[in-house]
């Protein structure tokens, strides 16, 4: 069964500042289809899209800053060690078997600072 592209939904998401891959994931359609729809129908809205995209990215940046202001990534990993595993290279990553779903602000990886590269 083929997914039907709704131009109005694409337009709303495009004007909200979402990129073509994000829109495609949200609507469960191909990225190329969304890009072609935007190219054909909404090229005149490019300026509004860039403003919304910049605003959305600034909001995400501010929220991430506030979330990390109270507890940093390394402190979070130390306090919640049970959901993480250590890779052979020393990086600490989320163990998907223990925590298959985590919140957006949970650190996914803590890189080993003393790693020796060959």
PDB file of N, CA and C in Angstrom:
ATOM      1  N   UNK A   1       0.838  -1.181   0.000  1.00  0.00           N
ATOM      2  CA  UNK A   1       0.000   0.000   0.000  1.00  0.00           C
ATOM      3  C   UNK A   1       0.883   1.245   0.000  1.00  0.00           C
ATOM      4  N   UNK A   2       0.572   2.169  -0.836  1.00  0.00           N
ATOM      5  CA  UNK A   2       1.368   3.376  -0.984  1.00  0.00           C
ATOM      6  C   UNK A   2       0.811   4.511  -0.137  1.00  0.00           C
ATOM      7  N   UNK A   3       1.686   5.224   0.531  1.00  0.00           N
ATOM      8  CA  UNK A   3       1.257   6.358   1.348  1.00  0.00           C
ATOM      9  C   UNK A   3       0.910   7.532   0.437  1.00  0.00           C
ATOM     10  N   UNK A   4      -0.158   8.232   0.779  1.00  0.00           N
ATOM     11  CA  UNK A   4      -0.609   9.368  -0.010  1.00  0.00           C
ATOM     12  C   UNK A   4       0.001  10.636   0.581  1.00  0.00           C
ATOM     13  N   UNK A   5       0.532  11.453  -0.292  1.00  0.00           N
ATOM     14  CA  UNK A   5       1.163  12.695   0.137  1.00  0.00           C
ATOM     15  C   UNK A   5       0.101  13.782   0.290  1.00  0.00           C
ATOM     16  N   UNK A   6       0.037  14.356   1.462  1.00  0.00           N
ATOM     17  CA  UNK A   6      -0.881  15.449   1.713  1.00  0.00           C
ATOM     18  C   UNK A   6      -0.072  16.746   1.673  1.00  0.00           C
ATOM     19  N   UNK A   7      -0.275  17.536   0.625  1.00  0.00           N
ATOM     20  CA  UNK A   7       0.513  18.757   0.434  1.00  0.00           C
ATOM     21  C   UNK A   7       0.324  19.750   1.567  1.00  0.00           C
ATOM     22  N   UNK A   8      -0.885  19.814   2.114  1.00  0.00           N
ATOM     23  CA  UNK A   8      -1.143  20.775   3.192  1.00  0.00           C
ATOM     24  C   UNK A   8      -0.349  20.401   4.453  1.00  0.00           C
ATOM     25  N   UNK A   9      -0.268  19.104   4.754  1.00  0.00           N
ATOM     26  CA  UNK A   9       0.526  18.677   5.907  1.00  0.00           C
ATOM     27  C   UNK A   9       1.995  19.009   5.693  1.00  0.00           C
ATOM     28  N   UNK A  10       2.481  18.756   4.471  1.00  0.00           N
ATOM     29  CA  UNK A  10       3.877  19.067   4.147  1.00  0.00           C
ATOM     30  C   UNK A  10       4.105  20.569   4.294  1.00  0.00           C
ATOM     31  N   UNK A  11       3.180  21.367   3.808  1.00  0.00           N
ATOM     32  CA  UNK A  11       3.315  22.825   3.883  1.00  0.00           C
ATOM     33  C   UNK A  11       3.369  23.301   5.338  1.00  0.00           C
ATOM     34  N   UNK A  12       2.475  22.764   6.167  1.00  0.00           N
ATOM     35  CA  UNK A  12       2.435  23.165   7.580  1.00  0.00           C
ATOM     36  C   UNK A  12       3.743  22.808   8.280  1.00  0.00           C
ATOM     37  N   UNK A  13       4.223  21.576   8.056  1.00  0.00           N
ATOM     38  CA  UNK A  13       5.466  21.144   8.688  1.00  0.00           C
ATOM     39  C   UNK A  13       6.667  21.917   8.143  1.00  0.00           C
ATOM     40  N   UNK A  14       6.651  22.212   6.843  1.00  0.00           N
ATOM     41  CA  UNK A  14       7.728  22.991   6.221  1.00  0.00           C
ATOM     42  C   UNK A  14       7.789  24.391   6.822  1.00  0.00           C
ATOM     43  N   UNK A  15       6.619  24.997   7.010  1.00  0.00           N
ATOM     44  CA  UNK A  15       6.581  26.347   7.591  1.00  0.00           C
ATOM     45  C   UNK A  15       6.853  26.341   9.093  1.00  0.00           C
ATOM     46  N   UNK A  16       6.760  25.165   9.716  1.00  0.00           N
ATOM     47  CA  UNK A  16       7.143  25.040  11.131  1.00  0.00           C
ATOM     48  C   UNK A  16       8.641  24.894  11.302  1.00  0.00           C
ATOM     49  N   UNK A  17       9.364  24.777  10.179  1.00  0.00           N
ATOM     50  CA  UNK A  17      10.817  24.720  10.238  1.00  0.00           C
ATOM     51  C   UNK A  17      11.403  23.323  10.195  1.00  0.00           C
ATOM     52  N   UNK A  18      10.607  22.314   9.878  1.00  0.00           N
ATOM     53  CA  UNK A  18      11.130  20.964   9.775  1.00  0.00           C
ATOM     54  C   UNK A  18      11.812  20.773   8.428  1.00  0.00           C
ATOM     55  N   UNK A  19      12.868  19.982   8.415  1.00  0.00           N
ATOM     56  CA  UNK A  19      13.576  19.691   7.171  1.00  0.00           C
ATOM     57  C   UNK A  19      12.867  18.547   6.444  1.00  0.00           C
ATOM     58  N   UNK A  20      13.247  18.324   5.189  1.00  0.00           N
ATOM     59  CA  UNK A  20      12.614  17.271   4.391  1.00  0.00           C
ATOM     60  C   UNK A  20      12.743  15.886   5.037  1.00  0.00           C
ATOM     61  N   UNK A  21      13.922  15.490   5.541  1.00  0.00           N
ATOM     62  CA  UNK A  21      14.001  14.180   6.206  1.00  0.00           C
ATOM     63  C   UNK A  21      13.108  14.073   7.448  1.00  0.00           C
ATOM     64  N   UNK A  22      13.000  15.161   8.199  1.00  0.00           N
ATOM     65  CA  UNK A  22      12.137  15.151   9.388  1.00  0.00           C
ATOM     66  C   UNK A  22      10.670  15.036   8.998  1.00  0.00           C
ATOM     67  N   UNK A  23      10.278  15.751   7.955  1.00  0.00           N
ATOM     68  CA  UNK A  23       8.900  15.670   7.464  1.00  0.00           C
ATOM     69  C   UNK A  23       8.621  14.256   6.964  1.00  0.00           C
ATOM     70  N   UNK A  24       9.559  13.680   6.229  1.00  0.00           N
ATOM     71  CA  UNK A  24       9.388  12.327   5.688  1.00  0.00           C
ATOM     72  C   UNK A  24       9.207  11.311   6.817  1.00  0.00           C
ATOM     73  N   UNK A  25      10.009  11.415   7.870  1.00  0.00           N
ATOM     74  CA  UNK A  25       9.877  10.502   9.003  1.00  0.00           C
ATOM     75  C   UNK A  25       8.530  10.676   9.689  1.00  0.00           C
ATOM     76  N   UNK A  26       8.122  11.918   9.847  1.00  0.00           N
ATOM     77  CA  UNK A  26       6.866  12.206  10.541  1.00  0.00           C
ATOM     78  C   UNK A  26       5.652  11.689   9.768  1.00  0.00           C
ATOM     79  N   UNK A  27       5.681  11.825   8.439  1.00  0.00           N
ATOM     80  CA  UNK A  27       4.552  11.408   7.600  1.00  0.00           C
ATOM     81  C   UNK A  27       4.712   9.998   7.048  1.00  0.00           C
ATOM     82  N   UNK A  28       5.843   9.363   7.350  1.00  0.00           N
ATOM     83  CA  UNK A  28       6.122   8.004   6.897  1.00  0.00           C
ATOM     84  C   UNK A  28       6.089   7.876   5.371  1.00  0.00           C
ATOM     85  N   UNK A  29       6.799   8.789   4.708  1.00  0.00           N
ATOM     86  CA  UNK A  29       6.949   8.754   3.254  1.00  0.00           C
ATOM     87  C   UNK A  29       8.413   8.973   2.911  1.00  0.00           C
ATOM     88  N   UNK A  30       8.750   8.810   1.638  1.00  0.00           N
ATOM     89  CA  UNK A  30      10.144   8.933   1.218  1.00  0.00           C
ATOM     90  C   UNK A  30      10.612  10.390   1.264  1.00  0.00           C
ATOM     91  N   UNK A  31      11.881  10.549   1.613  1.00  0.00           N
ATOM     92  CA  UNK A  31      12.486  11.886   1.684  1.00  0.00           C
ATOM     93  C   UNK A  31      12.474  12.551   0.312  1.00  0.00           C
ATOM     94  N   UNK A  32      12.769  11.780  -0.730  1.00  0.00           N
ATOM     95  CA  UNK A  32      12.791  12.337  -2.085  1.00  0.00           C
ATOM     96  C   UNK A  32      11.423  12.871  -2.496  1.00  0.00           C
ATOM     97  N   UNK A  33      10.365  12.194  -2.065  1.00  0.00           N
ATOM     98  CA  UNK A  33       9.004  12.643  -2.369  1.00  0.00           C
ATOM     99  C   UNK A  33       8.732  13.993  -1.722  1.00  0.00           C
ATOM    100  N   UNK A  34       9.139  14.133  -0.474  1.00  0.00           N
ATOM    101  CA  UNK A  34       8.934  15.399   0.244  1.00  0.00           C
ATOM    102  C   UNK A  34       9.756  16.506  -0.408  1.00  0.00           C
ATOM    103  N   UNK A  35      11.008  16.211  -0.736  1.00  0.00           N
ATOM    104  CA  UNK A  35      11.852  17.230  -1.377  1.00  0.00           C
ATOM    105  C   UNK A  35      11.254  17.700  -2.695  1.00  0.00           C
ATOM    106  N   UNK A  36      10.745  16.771  -3.498  1.00  0.00           N
ATOM    107  CA  UNK A  36      10.153  17.135  -4.789  1.00  0.00           C
ATOM    108  C   UNK A  36       8.871  17.942  -4.581  1.00  0.00           C
ATOM    109  N   UNK A  37       8.072  17.578  -3.577  1.00  0.00           N
ATOM    110  CA  UNK A  37       6.845  18.329  -3.268  1.00  0.00           C
ATOM    111  C   UNK A  37       7.187  19.757  -2.866  1.00  0.00           C
ATOM    112  N   UNK A  38       8.203  19.917  -2.028  1.00  0.00           N
ATOM    113  CA  UNK A  38       8.622  21.257  -1.596  1.00  0.00           C
ATOM    114  C   UNK A  38       9.151  22.050  -2.790  1.00  0.00           C
ATOM    115  N   UNK A  39       9.950  21.405  -3.605  1.00  0.00           N
ATOM    116  CA  UNK A  39      10.533  22.067  -4.772  1.00  0.00           C
ATOM    117  C   UNK A  39       9.445  22.545  -5.734  1.00  0.00           C
ATOM    118  N   UNK A  40       8.448  21.709  -5.966  1.00  0.00           N
ATOM    119  CA  UNK A  40       7.395  22.043  -6.933  1.00  0.00           C
ATOM    120  C   UNK A  40       6.362  23.026  -6.397  1.00  0.00           C
ATOM    121  N   UNK A  41       6.028  22.912  -5.117  1.00  0.00           N
ATOM    122  CA  UNK A  41       4.884  23.654  -4.588  1.00  0.00           C
ATOM    123  C   UNK A  41       5.217  24.798  -3.641  1.00  0.00           C
ATOM    124  N   UNK A  42       6.356  24.711  -2.951  1.00  0.00           N
ATOM    125  CA  UNK A  42       6.606  25.671  -1.882  1.00  0.00           C
ATOM    126  C   UNK A  42       7.929  26.410  -1.999  1.00  0.00           C
ATOM    127  N   UNK A  43       8.457  26.524  -3.199  1.00  0.00           N
ATOM    128  CA  UNK A  43       9.733  27.227  -3.365  1.00  0.00           C
ATOM    129  C   UNK A  43       9.611  28.707  -2.997  1.00  0.00           C
ATOM    130  N   UNK A  44       8.396  29.245  -3.096  1.00  0.00           N
ATOM    131  CA  UNK A  44       8.183  30.646  -2.739  1.00  0.00           C
ATOM    132  C   UNK A  44       8.169  30.864  -1.223  1.00  0.00           C
ATOM    133  N   UNK A  45       8.150  29.787  -0.438  1.00  0.00           N
ATOM    134  CA  UNK A  45       8.097  29.894   1.019  1.00  0.00           C
ATOM    135  C   UNK A  45       9.452  29.626   1.680  1.00  0.00           C
ATOM    136  N   UNK A  46      10.496  29.626   0.869  1.00  0.00           N
ATOM    137  CA  UNK A  46      11.829  29.275   1.374  1.00  0.00           C
ATOM    138  C   UNK A  46      12.301  30.220   2.488  1.00  0.00           C
ATOM    139  N   UNK A  47      12.038  31.500   2.346  1.00  0.00           N
ATOM    140  CA  UNK A  47      12.475  32.482   3.350  1.00  0.00           C
ATOM    141  C   UNK A  47      11.784  32.235   4.693  1.00  0.00           C
ATOM    142  N   UNK A  48      10.457  32.008   4.654  1.00  0.00           N
ATOM    143  CA  UNK A  48       9.715  31.734   5.883  1.00  0.00           C
ATOM    144  C   UNK A  48      10.207  30.444   6.540  1.00  0.00           C
ATOM    145  N   UNK A  49      10.525  29.455   5.704  1.00  0.00           N
ATOM    146  CA  UNK A  49      11.028  28.182   6.219  1.00  0.00           C
ATOM    147  C   UNK A  49      12.357  28.376   6.943  1.00  0.00           C
ATOM    148  N   UNK A  50      13.267  29.144   6.348  1.00  0.00           N
ATOM    149  CA  UNK A  50      14.584  29.357   6.973  1.00  0.00           C
ATOM    150  C   UNK A  50      14.452  30.084   8.310  1.00  0.00           C
ATOM    151  N   UNK A  51      13.539  31.049   8.397  1.00  0.00           N
ATOM    152  CA  UNK A  51      13.318  31.768   9.658  1.00  0.00           C
ATOM    153  C   UNK A  51      12.799  30.792  10.717  1.00  0.00           C
ATOM    154  N   UNK A  52      11.814  29.977  10.341  1.00  0.00           N
ATOM    155  CA  UNK A  52      11.238  29.022  11.290  1.00  0.00           C
ATOM    156  C   UNK A  52      12.267  27.967  11.692  1.00  0.00           C
ATOM    157  N   UNK A  53      13.083  27.523  10.742  1.00  0.00           N
ATOM    158  CA  UNK A  53      14.123  26.537  11.027  1.00  0.00           C
ATOM    159  C   UNK A  53      15.135  27.093  12.019  1.00  0.00           C
ATOM    160  N   UNK A  54      15.553  28.327  11.804  1.00  0.00           N
ATOM    161  CA  UNK A  54      16.500  28.972  12.712  1.00  0.00           C
ATOM    162  C   UNK A  54      15.891  29.122  14.106  1.00  0.00           C
ATOM    163  N   UNK A  55      14.644  29.536  14.176  1.00  0.00           N
ATOM    164  CA  UNK A  55      13.969  29.691  15.476  1.00  0.00           C
ATOM    165  C   UNK A  55      13.860  28.353  16.189  1.00  0.00           C
ATOM    166  N   UNK A  56      13.481  27.312  15.461  1.00  0.00           N
ATOM    167  CA  UNK A  56      13.330  25.989  16.060  1.00  0.00           C
ATOM    168  C   UNK A  56      14.667  25.485  16.594  1.00  0.00           C
ATOM    169  N   UNK A  57      15.729  25.680  15.828  1.00  0.00           N
ATOM    170  CA  UNK A  57      17.057  25.240  16.277  1.00  0.00           C
ATOM    171  C   UNK A  57      17.516  26.016  17.501  1.00  0.00           C
ATOM    172  N   UNK A  58      17.211  27.309  17.558  1.00  0.00           N
ATOM    173  CA  UNK A  58      17.577  28.117  18.728  1.00  0.00           C
ATOM    174  C   UNK A  58      16.817  27.659  19.967  1.00  0.00           C
ATOM    175  N   UNK A  59      15.555  27.297  19.795  1.00  0.00           N
ATOM    176  CA  UNK A  59      14.761  26.803  20.924  1.00  0.00           C
ATOM    177  C   UNK A  59      15.348  25.498  21.439  1.00  0.00           C
ATOM    178  N   UNK A  60      15.681  24.586  20.523  1.00  0.00           N
ATOM    179  CA  UNK A  60      16.277  23.314  20.926  1.00  0.00           C
ATOM    180  C   UNK A  60      17.597  23.550  21.648  1.00  0.00           C
ATOM    181  N   UNK A  61      18.389  24.474  21.140  1.00  0.00           N
ATOM    182  CA  UNK A  61      19.676  24.789  21.770  1.00  0.00           C
ATOM    183  C   UNK A  61      19.464  25.346  23.182  1.00  0.00           C
ATOM    184  N   UNK A  62      18.492  26.227  23.348  1.00  0.00           N
ATOM    185  CA  UNK A  62      18.224  26.808  24.662  1.00  0.00           C
ATOM    186  C   UNK A  62      17.706  25.757  25.638  1.00  0.00           C
ATOM    187  N   UNK A  63      16.831  24.886  25.175  1.00  0.00           N
ATOM    188  CA  UNK A  63      16.295  23.837  26.042  1.00  0.00           C
ATOM    189  C   UNK A  63      17.404  22.877  26.449  1.00  0.00           C
ATOM    190  N   UNK A  64      18.272  22.502  25.510  1.00  0.00           N
ATOM    191  CA  UNK A  64      19.394  21.623  25.837  1.00  0.00           C
ATOM    192  C   UNK A  64      20.328  22.277  26.845  1.00  0.00           C
ATOM    193  N   UNK A  65      20.564  23.556  26.695  1.00  0.00           N
ATOM    194  CA  UNK A  65      21.419  24.278  27.634  1.00  0.00           C
ATOM    195  C   UNK A  65      20.811  24.235  29.036  1.00  0.00           C
ATOM    196  N   UNK A  66      19.510  24.503  29.121  1.00  0.00           N
ATOM    197  CA  UNK A  66      18.837  24.498  30.429  1.00  0.00           C
ATOM    198  C   UNK A  66      18.839  23.100  31.036  1.00  0.00           C
ATOM    199  N   UNK A  67      18.635  22.082  30.195  1.00  0.00           N
ATOM    200  CA  UNK A  67      18.601  20.706  30.699  1.00  0.00           C
ATOM    201  C   UNK A  67      19.969  20.287  31.229  1.00  0.00           C
ATOM    202  N   UNK A  68      21.038  20.727  30.575  1.00  0.00           N
ATOM    203  CA  UNK A  68      22.389  20.340  30.985  1.00  0.00           C
ATOM    204  C   UNK A  68      22.978  21.253  32.048  1.00  0.00           C
ATOM    205  N   UNK A  69      22.293  22.356  32.362  1.00  0.00           N
ATOM    206  CA  UNK A  69      22.809  23.290  33.347  1.00  0.00           C
ATOM    207  C   UNK A  69      22.794  22.676  34.756  1.00  0.00           C
ATOM    208  N   UNK A  70      21.840  21.811  35.020  1.00  0.00           N
ATOM    209  CA  UNK A  70      21.685  21.277  36.362  1.00  0.00           C
ATOM    210  C   UNK A  70      22.508  20.020  36.594  1.00  0.00           C
ATOM    211  N   UNK A  71      22.650  19.185  35.561  1.00  0.00           N
ATOM    212  CA  UNK A  71      23.471  17.990  35.683  1.00  0.00           C
ATOM    213  C   UNK A  71      24.092  17.707  34.318  1.00  0.00           C
ATOM    214  N   UNK A  72      25.390  17.606  34.289  1.00  0.00           N
ATOM    215  CA  UNK A  72      26.100  17.356  33.040  1.00  0.00           C
ATOM    216  C   UNK A  72      25.976  15.903  32.599  1.00  0.00           C
ATOM    217  N   UNK A  73      26.429  15.629  31.388  1.00  0.00           N
ATOM    218  CA  UNK A  73      26.329  14.284  30.837  1.00  0.00           C
ATOM    219  C   UNK A  73      27.107  13.265  31.659  1.00  0.00           C
ATOM    220  N   UNK A  74      28.345  13.604  32.041  1.00  0.00           N
ATOM    221  CA  UNK A  74      29.151  12.626  32.784  1.00  0.00           C
ATOM    222  C   UNK A  74      28.551  12.358  34.165  1.00  0.00           C
ATOM    223  N   UNK A  75      28.028  13.368  34.828  1.00  0.00           N
ATOM    224  CA  UNK A  75      27.399  13.168  36.135  1.00  0.00           C
ATOM    225  C   UNK A  75      26.136  12.322  35.998  1.00  0.00           C
ATOM    226  N   UNK A  76      25.381  12.553  34.922  1.00  0.00           N
ATOM    227  CA  UNK A  76      24.175  11.769  34.687  1.00  0.00           C
ATOM    228  C   UNK A  76      24.520  10.297  34.480  1.00  0.00           C
ATOM    229  N   UNK A  77      25.557  10.040  33.672  1.00  0.00           N
ATOM    230  CA  UNK A  77      25.971   8.659  33.400  1.00  0.00           C
ATOM    231  C   UNK A  77      26.436   7.987  34.693  1.00  0.00           C
ATOM    232  N   UNK A  78      27.178   8.706  35.533  1.00  0.00           N
ATOM    233  CA  UNK A  78      27.654   8.127  36.789  1.00  0.00           C
ATOM    234  C   UNK A  78      26.500   7.781  37.726  1.00  0.00           C
ATOM    235  N   UNK A  79      25.474   8.618  37.750  1.00  0.00           N
ATOM    236  CA  UNK A  79      24.318   8.382  38.633  1.00  0.00           C
ATOM    237  C   UNK A  79      23.386   7.295  38.098  1.00  0.00           C
ATOM    238  N   UNK A  80      23.382   7.076  36.785  1.00  0.00           N
ATOM    239  CA  UNK A  80      22.470   6.113  36.158  1.00  0.00           C
ATOM    240  C   UNK A  80      23.252   5.034  35.415  1.00  0.00           C
ATOM    241  N   UNK A  81      24.265   4.507  36.040  1.00  0.00           N
ATOM    242  CA  UNK A  81      25.185   3.565  35.393  1.00  0.00           C
ATOM    243  C   UNK A  81      24.495   2.290  34.907  1.00  0.00           C
ATOM    244  N   UNK A  82      23.357   1.921  35.483  1.00  0.00           N
ATOM    245  CA  UNK A  82      22.711   0.649  35.156  1.00  0.00           C
ATOM    246  C   UNK A  82      22.151   0.604  33.729  1.00  0.00           C
ATOM    247  N   UNK A  83      21.901   1.751  33.106  1.00  0.00           N
ATOM    248  CA  UNK A  83      21.353   1.730  31.746  1.00  0.00           C
ATOM    249  C   UNK A  83      22.434   1.842  30.680  1.00  0.00           C
ATOM    250  N   UNK A  84      23.687   1.864  31.091  1.00  0.00           N
ATOM    251  CA  UNK A  84      24.793   2.025  30.147  1.00  0.00           C
ATOM    252  C   UNK A  84      25.676   0.785  30.110  1.00  0.00           C
ATOM    253  N   UNK A  85      26.395   0.630  29.015  1.00  0.00           N
ATOM    254  CA  UNK A  85      27.419  -0.405  28.888  1.00  0.00           C
ATOM    255  C   UNK A  85      28.669   0.253  28.313  1.00  0.00           C
ATOM    256  N   UNK A  86      29.812  -0.387  28.523  1.00  0.00           N
ATOM    257  CA  UNK A  86      31.078   0.148  28.034  1.00  0.00           C
ATOM    258  C   UNK A  86      31.508  -0.626  26.805  1.00  0.00           C
ATOM    259  N   UNK A  87      31.775   0.082  25.724  1.00  0.00           N
ATOM    260  CA  UNK A  87      32.275  -0.526  24.490  1.00  0.00           C
ATOM    261  C   UNK A  87      33.741  -0.926  24.655  1.00  0.00           C
ATOM    262  N   UNK A  88      34.247  -1.793  23.772  1.00  0.00           N
ATOM    263  CA  UNK A  88      35.667  -2.180  23.854  1.00  0.00           C
ATOM    264  C   UNK A  88      36.636  -1.002  23.740  1.00  0.00           C
ATOM    265  N   UNK A  89      36.232   0.060  23.037  1.00  0.00           N
ATOM    266  CA  UNK A  89      37.117   1.222  22.901  1.00  0.00           C
ATOM    267  C   UNK A  89      37.030   2.171  24.097  1.00  0.00           C
ATOM    268  N   UNK A  90      36.189   1.854  25.082  1.00  0.00           N
ATOM    269  CA  UNK A  90      36.099   2.653  26.296  1.00  0.00           C
ATOM    270  C   UNK A  90      34.945   3.635  26.325  1.00  0.00           C
ATOM    271  N   UNK A  91      34.234   3.803  25.208  1.00  0.00           N
ATOM    272  CA  UNK A  91      33.076   4.701  25.188  1.00  0.00           C
ATOM    273  C   UNK A  91      31.924   4.073  25.975  1.00  0.00           C
ATOM    274  N   UNK A  92      31.174   4.896  26.669  1.00  0.00           N
ATOM    275  CA  UNK A  92      30.022   4.433  27.437  1.00  0.00           C
ATOM    276  C   UNK A  92      28.779   4.794  26.621  1.00  0.00           C
ATOM    277  N   UNK A  93      27.969   3.784  26.298  1.00  0.00           N
ATOM    278  CA  UNK A  93      26.774   3.979  25.461  1.00  0.00           C
ATOM    279  C   UNK A  93      25.566   3.356  26.144  1.00  0.00           C
ATOM    280  N   UNK A  94      24.376   3.764  25.706  1.00  0.00           N
ATOM    281  CA  UNK A  94      23.146   3.217  26.268  1.00  0.00           C
ATOM    282  C   UNK A  94      23.022   1.750  25.886  1.00  0.00           C
ATOM    283  N   UNK A  95      22.662   0.922  26.842  1.00  0.00           N
ATOM    284  CA  UNK A  95      22.409  -0.492  26.608  1.00  0.00           C
ATOM    285  C   UNK A  95      20.945  -0.628  26.182  1.00  0.00           C
ATOM    286  N   UNK A  96      20.709  -0.894  24.902  1.00  0.00           N
ATOM    287  CA  UNK A  96      19.350  -0.961  24.358  1.00  0.00           C
ATOM    288  C   UNK A  96      18.546  -2.115  24.942  1.00  0.00           C
ATOM    289  N   UNK A  97      19.215  -3.148  25.454  1.00  0.00           N
ATOM    290  CA  UNK A  97      18.495  -4.260  26.074  1.00  0.00           C
ATOM    291  C   UNK A  97      17.911  -3.855  27.424  1.00  0.00           C
ATOM    292  N   UNK A  98      18.622  -3.011  28.146  1.00  0.00           N
ATOM    293  CA  UNK A  98      18.171  -2.571  29.466  1.00  0.00           C
ATOM    294  C   UNK A  98      17.215  -1.383  29.344  1.00  0.00           C
ATOM    295  N   UNK A  99      17.546  -0.432  28.459  1.00  0.00           N
ATOM    296  CA  UNK A  99      16.744   0.783  28.290  1.00  0.00           C
ATOM    297  C   UNK A  99      16.457   0.995  26.805  1.00  0.00           C
ATOM    298  N   UNK A 100      15.463   0.277  26.249  1.00  0.00           N
ATOM    299  CA  UNK A 100      15.189   0.412  24.817  1.00  0.00           C
ATOM    300  C   UNK A 100      14.641   1.792  24.434  1.00  0.00           C
ATOM    301  N   UNK A 101      13.990   2.469  25.378  1.00  0.00           N
ATOM    302  CA  UNK A 101      13.433   3.797  25.118  1.00  0.00           C
ATOM    303  C   UNK A 101      13.899   4.733  26.226  1.00  0.00           C
ATOM    304  N   UNK A 102      14.476   5.869  25.819  1.00  0.00           N
ATOM    305  CA  UNK A 102      14.918   6.882  26.780  1.00  0.00           C
ATOM    306  C   UNK A 102      14.426   8.244  26.318  1.00  0.00           C
ATOM    307  N   UNK A 103      14.434   9.206  27.211  1.00  0.00           N
ATOM    308  CA  UNK A 103      13.982  10.548  26.856  1.00  0.00           C
ATOM    309  C   UNK A 103      14.992  11.234  25.944  1.00  0.00           C
ATOM    310  N   UNK A 104      14.565  12.313  25.315  1.00  0.00           N
ATOM    311  CA  UNK A 104      15.404  13.014  24.341  1.00  0.00           C
ATOM    312  C   UNK A 104      16.644  13.617  24.980  1.00  0.00           C
ATOM    313  N   UNK A 105      16.592  13.949  26.263  1.00  0.00           N
ATOM    314  CA  UNK A 105      17.727  14.611  26.896  1.00  0.00           C
ATOM    315  C   UNK A 105      18.667  13.655  27.620  1.00  0.00           C
ATOM    316  N   UNK A 106      18.448  12.348  27.486  1.00  0.00           N
ATOM    317  CA  UNK A 106      19.349  11.366  28.074  1.00  0.00           C
ATOM    318  C   UNK A 106      20.591  11.254  27.200  1.00  0.00           C
ATOM    319  N   UNK A 107      21.780  11.389  27.783  1.00  0.00           N
ATOM    320  CA  UNK A 107      23.001  11.265  26.978  1.00  0.00           C
ATOM    321  C   UNK A 107      23.095   9.876  26.350  1.00  0.00           C
ATOM    322  N   UNK A 108      23.328   9.822  25.047  1.00  0.00           N
ATOM    323  CA  UNK A 108      23.403   8.555  24.324  1.00  0.00           C
ATOM    324  C   UNK A 108      24.811   7.945  24.397  1.00  0.00           C
ATOM    325  N   UNK A 109      25.821   8.790  24.470  1.00  0.00           N
ATOM    326  CA  UNK A 109      27.207   8.312  24.440  1.00  0.00           C
ATOM    327  C   UNK A 109      28.075   9.253  25.274  1.00  0.00           C
ATOM    328  N   UNK A 110      28.994   8.657  25.994  1.00  0.00           N
ATOM    329  CA  UNK A 110      30.003   9.422  26.712  1.00  0.00           C
ATOM    330  C   UNK A 110      31.341   8.903  26.216  1.00  0.00           C
ATOM    331  N   UNK A 111      32.034   9.730  25.458  1.00  0.00           N
ATOM    332  CA  UNK A 111      33.278   9.312  24.815  1.00  0.00           C
ATOM    333  C   UNK A 111      34.397   9.177  25.832  1.00  0.00           C
ATOM    334  N   UNK A 112      35.243   8.181  25.628  1.00  0.00           N
ATOM    335  CA  UNK A 112      36.417   7.959  26.457  1.00  0.00           C
ATOM    336  C   UNK A 112      37.476   8.999  26.065  1.00  0.00           C
ATOM    337  N   UNK A 113      37.809   9.867  26.993  1.00  0.00           N
ATOM    338  CA  UNK A 113      38.774  10.924  26.713  1.00  0.00           C
ATOM    339  C   UNK A 113      40.206  10.398  26.612  1.00  0.00           C
ATOM    340  N   UNK A 114      40.491   9.264  27.207  1.00  0.00           N
ATOM    341  CA  UNK A 114      41.843   8.710  27.223  1.00  0.00           C
ATOM    342  C   UNK A 114      42.047   7.636  26.160  1.00  0.00           C
ATOM    343  N   UNK A 115      41.196   7.615  25.165  1.00  0.00           N
ATOM    344  CA  UNK A 115      41.254   6.611  24.113  1.00  0.00           C
ATOM    345  C   UNK A 115      42.508   6.789  23.279  1.00  0.00           C
ATOM    346  N   UNK A 116      43.193   5.690  22.991  1.00  0.00           N
ATOM    347  CA  UNK A 116      44.395   5.715  22.149  1.00  0.00           C
ATOM    348  C   UNK A 116      43.982   5.326  20.741  1.00  0.00           C
ATOM    349  N   UNK A 117      44.268   6.209  19.773  1.00  0.00           N
ATOM    350  CA  UNK A 117      43.936   5.927  18.380  1.00  0.00           C
ATOM    351  C   UNK A 117      45.157   5.428  17.659  1.00  0.00           C
ATOM    352  N   UNK A 118      44.958   4.409  16.857  1.00  0.00           N
ATOM    353  CA  UNK A 118      46.063   3.828  16.094  1.00  0.00           C
ATOM    354  C   UNK A 118      46.035   4.281  14.668  1.00  0.00           C
TER     355      UNK A 118
END
